Amino acid sequence: MNRLANFFRCKKSQEKARLAVGQKFCYGVGHILNDLAANTWFSYLIIYLTKVVRLSNGHTGLVVLLGQVTDGVCTPIIAILNDKTVCRYGRRKIWHIVGSLCVSCTFPLLFTRLIGDEANDSLKLAYYISIAAFFQFGWGCVQISHLSLIPEIAISESEKVELNAIRSALRFICGIFVFCVTWVLLGRSSEASISPSMWQQFMYLGFIIVATGTVCNVVFHVGIKEPPSDALLKWLEERKSGNHKFKRRGTEKRGLLARAVYPPPSPSRRSGASPAVVMTLCEKEKKRTADPNERTDCPACLEDGEARKSSMDITDKTAIPGGGKSKRQWMTCPGMYKTGLVYICTRLYVNVSQSYLPLYLTETMRFEKESIAYFPLVVLVTGVLASTAVKPLNKRLGSKITFCLGAMMAVSASFWFFVQTIDARTAVYATSMLMGSGGSVMLVTSFSLIAQLIGHDKRSGAFVYGFIGFFDKVFSGAIFAIIQQLNPRKDQGVECSKCDEYTRHVQSIVPGTVAVLGLVSVMVFFESIFVCKKRASTTDAAVQVDLDEILGDGDSSSSGVDTSSMTEKADSEVCHIGSAEKGACATQSRPFDCSIESRNFHPKKTTKQNYVAIRLASVSLPSPVLDRRTII
């Protein structure tokens, strides 16, 4: 009964330790403003600047490049400040508020035409670069703080995967929202194609996105309570003990007086540690005990003279609360670079394919203007459905095989975009479904790989996200700038068949190349995790030997040998082969069906005509047949 009660008590405590469904939802909506803004940025910024604002392709690429570089440079700085911030409200949540304010103020200005067509290109370029820089700074604050909350609030690895899946699913839902709103706004326009007269539709889109994201941010801050950091707990503990400022000043004065009376000797040659007379061990023990008359057997309570000689200032770096890898250790960690390469390839695939899909539809496939809304909608609907399958796939197949499946779907979509003709352009629906499914699976799996890399290292989790995010932003901006600079289109109002084919190559070759690179990186750098079940049956032969010969009691001749067989079935054994980083194989112990006297190497003396049956195979000597395994 006690065991049964303990079992239910442990189960109930585990359920309490898990995150509630409402908390998971509140966490997911905390990134909706960023997701809405990012979907609009990557889907419509290029076509807005080139078709509506009428910036040149080179200047458009420069705006995207400098915006991404600003985000990349600010992201590691934000990550370091994020880890070092001490705030009662929560170090992650306070940075989330700062970033949300920046995004809310700058994003509507990005899609509002405050500068007329009569202004020169240099003034337009300076305006959009400055707005994009402030927007990307705020976007990075929200992203780093939101991602860094996963190791803080998640209890197990499965919860980390689930939070990433929820985050990714809501990201695609945000894309659905953006494209639905865009579809409605473009449908009300009388223009046949994207032109400068449609600037009001994009302005309305910006205000709707900011209003929706602000409401979701309120839900996030109300529903999520960030656990206090180690630095905050230490600060609160010092504050509880008294006025720590005056205490520190008094300690410094006593330390100066003690150094004047008892000059410190030279450091020891062996340890290099020098005695410090700030506080003796006896004083520490007296402060710890409440009763001054109470005696203690602790050897630390010495006489004053001996205490001064033995008092030393010792710092144990391994005992720092919440200790993890330092930034220097992360910089020399190969796993961070491997995981970062996979994540960067995934982001490049999603960003490039999402940004140039509207141009591919309108310029290469000759679709109407509403196609820039409903085709991306197909991409994101399939992405949401695919993201729900990532968790069971990751559990059964592992991160490596799951990512490979998504990468193969992404490569197939890129190849289909390349060979697609205008006559059979309705097949783009199927291509869009492959594109959305592959990108979603790759993105969720790459986020899970980063979360597994960080583990429970809460102290420097934001640094890892910031370091990887820096290269993600820089590479993305560089790719966009190169693509726009190589674009042969000089005038947006002139037909150019060569430019249309260039858009086809950009939409197919660039995403396909980075998807193949990510696939190869996962196959080379990561080991597979799969479950194998072994079903083995062994037949152990028992022979008859002379008992007197075994016991050494004289000589006796052996008679005919009568053999019998006993069958032993081994239970199914689960062997977890490999892991994402270690590749270790954890094998469980083999349970056997204990039956008759065959368990003992020296059995009872059940003789028959002075003979006894003794097993050749025992528990201590397992049968070699057990090494056979069948993988199901």
Foldseek 3Di string as FASTA:
>chain_A
DVVVVVVVVVVVVVVVLADDPLLLLLLQLLCLLLLLLLLCCLFPQQVCCCFAVNAALLLSLVLLQLLLLLLLVLQLVLLVQLLVDADPQHSLLVLSVVLLVLQLVLQLVLLACPDDNVDDNVVVSVVSSVSSSSNSNSSSSNVLSSLLQLLQRHDDLLVSLVSLLSNLLSSLVSLLVLLVLLLVLVVPDPDFARHNVSSVSSSVSRNVSSVVSVVSNVSNSVSDGGDHDLVNVVVVVCVVVDDNVVVVVVLVVVQVVCCVVPPWDAADPPPRFIAGVSDFLLRVVCVVDPDNPDDDPDPSNDDPVVRSVPHTDDDDPVPRPLDDDDPVRVVVDVLLVLLLLLQLLLLLLVSLLSNLVQVLCCQQLNDTRSCSRVLSSLLSVLLSVLSVCLSVCCVAKNLLVQLLVLLVLLLVLLVCLLPDHNVPVVCVSVSSSSNSNSSSSSNSSSSSSLCVVCPSSSSSSSSSVSNSSSVSSNVNSVVSSVLSVPQPDGGPVDRDPVNSSSSSCSNRVRSNVSSVVSSVSSVPQFDIKHKFKFWFKDKWKWKKDAPCVVVVPDDDDDDDIDIDIDIWTWDIWIWTAQDGHPRDIDTDDIDTDDDDQQADQDGDPPDDPRIDIGIPAYPVRHDPRSPDGDGD
